[in-house]
Amino acid sequence: MLANLDHQVLVFFLIFARCMALIETLPVVTSSGIPFAARAGLAFFTTSVVSPGIVAAGYPIHGSGSDYVILLAAEIMVGLI
């Protein structure tokens, strides 16, 4: 159970990193009129909606912490593109 919870948290954080990078590059949302907390909340809400489907479909995370850092960097780069 705990290993499954750890996996869900790791997947959630990967999705959140991608959504946050995506939202930070959207022209409409990056204006100075929208505070960072609102953008982070939008990323968190989007992640909360999308995450259960991705976890249910099975997102494999294998390897050590350095492999996770590489996955995290890849998710951020995809969000920026």
Protein backbone atom coordinates (compact mmCIF):
# COMPACT_ATOMS: atom_id res chain seq x y z
CA MET A 1 0.00 0.00 0.00
CA LEU A 2 2.74 2.44 0.95
CA ALA A 3 4.74 1.63 -2.18
CA ASN A 4 1.65 2.32 -4.26
CA LEU A 5 1.12 5.64 -2.45
CA ASP A 6 4.77 6.58 -3.03
CA HIS A 7 4.33 5.78 -6.73
CA GLN A 8 1.20 7.92 -6.92
CA VAL A 9 2.96 10.87 -5.26
CA LEU A 10 5.93 10.59 -7.63
CA VAL A 11 3.65 10.47 -10.67
CA PHE A 12 1.60 13.39 -9.30
CA PHE A 13 4.74 15.49 -8.90
CA LEU A 14 5.88 14.67 -12.46
CA ILE A 15 2.51 15.73 -13.85
CA PHE A 16 2.51 18.86 -11.69
CA ALA A 17 5.96 19.82 -12.99
CA ARG A 18 4.76 19.51 -16.58
CA CYS A 19 1.54 21.46 -15.93
CA MET A 20 3.38 24.19 -14.04
CA ALA A 21 5.92 24.60 -16.85
CA LEU A 22 3.09 24.71 -19.39
CA ILE A 23 1.10 27.30 -17.45
CA GLU A 24 4.17 29.45 -16.84
CA THR A 25 4.72 29.76 -20.59
CA LEU A 26 1.13 30.55 -21.61
CA PRO A 27 1.00 34.16 -22.81
CA VAL A 28 -2.38 34.96 -21.26
CA VAL A 29 -1.55 33.53 -17.83
CA THR A 30 1.95 34.96 -17.47
CA SER A 31 0.79 38.58 -17.31
CA SER A 32 1.64 40.48 -14.17
CA GLY A 33 -2.05 40.75 -13.28
CA ILE A 34 -2.29 37.07 -12.37
CA PRO A 35 -0.42 36.19 -9.16
CA PHE A 36 1.89 33.19 -8.91
CA ALA A 37 -0.39 31.54 -6.33
CA ALA A 38 -3.26 31.52 -8.84
CA ARG A 39 -1.05 29.98 -11.53
CA ALA A 40 0.23 27.35 -9.08
CA GLY A 41 -3.35 26.63 -8.02
CA LEU A 42 -4.40 26.18 -11.64
CA ALA A 43 -1.50 23.77 -12.18
CA PHE A 44 -2.43 21.86 -9.01
CA PHE A 45 -6.10 21.64 -10.04
CA THR A 46 -5.19 20.46 -13.53
CA THR A 47 -2.85 17.86 -12.06
CA SER A 48 -5.54 16.69 -9.64
CA VAL A 49 -7.95 16.14 -12.52
CA VAL A 50 -5.47 14.41 -14.84
CA SER A 51 -3.44 12.38 -12.34
CA PRO A 52 -5.92 9.57 -11.49
CA GLY A 53 -6.25 8.59 -15.14
CA ILE A 54 -2.52 8.50 -15.69
CA VAL A 55 -1.90 6.48 -12.51
CA ALA A 56 -4.67 4.03 -13.50
CA ALA A 57 -3.16 3.64 -16.98
CA GLY A 58 0.17 2.79 -15.42
CA TYR A 59 3.08 5.19 -15.57
CA PRO A 60 6.20 3.15 -14.85
CA ILE A 61 8.91 4.72 -12.71
CA HIS A 62 11.96 2.53 -12.37
CA GLY A 63 15.44 3.16 -11.10
CA SER A 64 17.02 5.39 -8.54
CA GLY A 65 16.64 9.01 -7.52
CA SER A 66 18.89 10.22 -10.30
CA ASP A 67 16.61 8.54 -12.84
CA TYR A 68 13.66 10.37 -11.30
CA VAL A 69 15.49 13.69 -11.61
CA ILE A 70 16.04 12.97 -15.30
CA LEU A 71 12.31 12.14 -15.68
CA LEU A 72 11.45 15.38 -13.88
CA ALA A 73 13.69 17.42 -16.17
CA ALA A 74 12.15 15.73 -19.20
CA GLU A 75 8.62 16.56 -18.01
CA ILE A 76 9.57 20.18 -17.45
CA MET A 77 11.12 20.41 -20.91
CA VAL A 78 7.98 18.93 -22.50
CA GLY A 79 5.88 21.47 -20.60
CA LEU A 80 8.06 24.31 -21.83
CA ILE A 81 7.76 23.20 -25.44
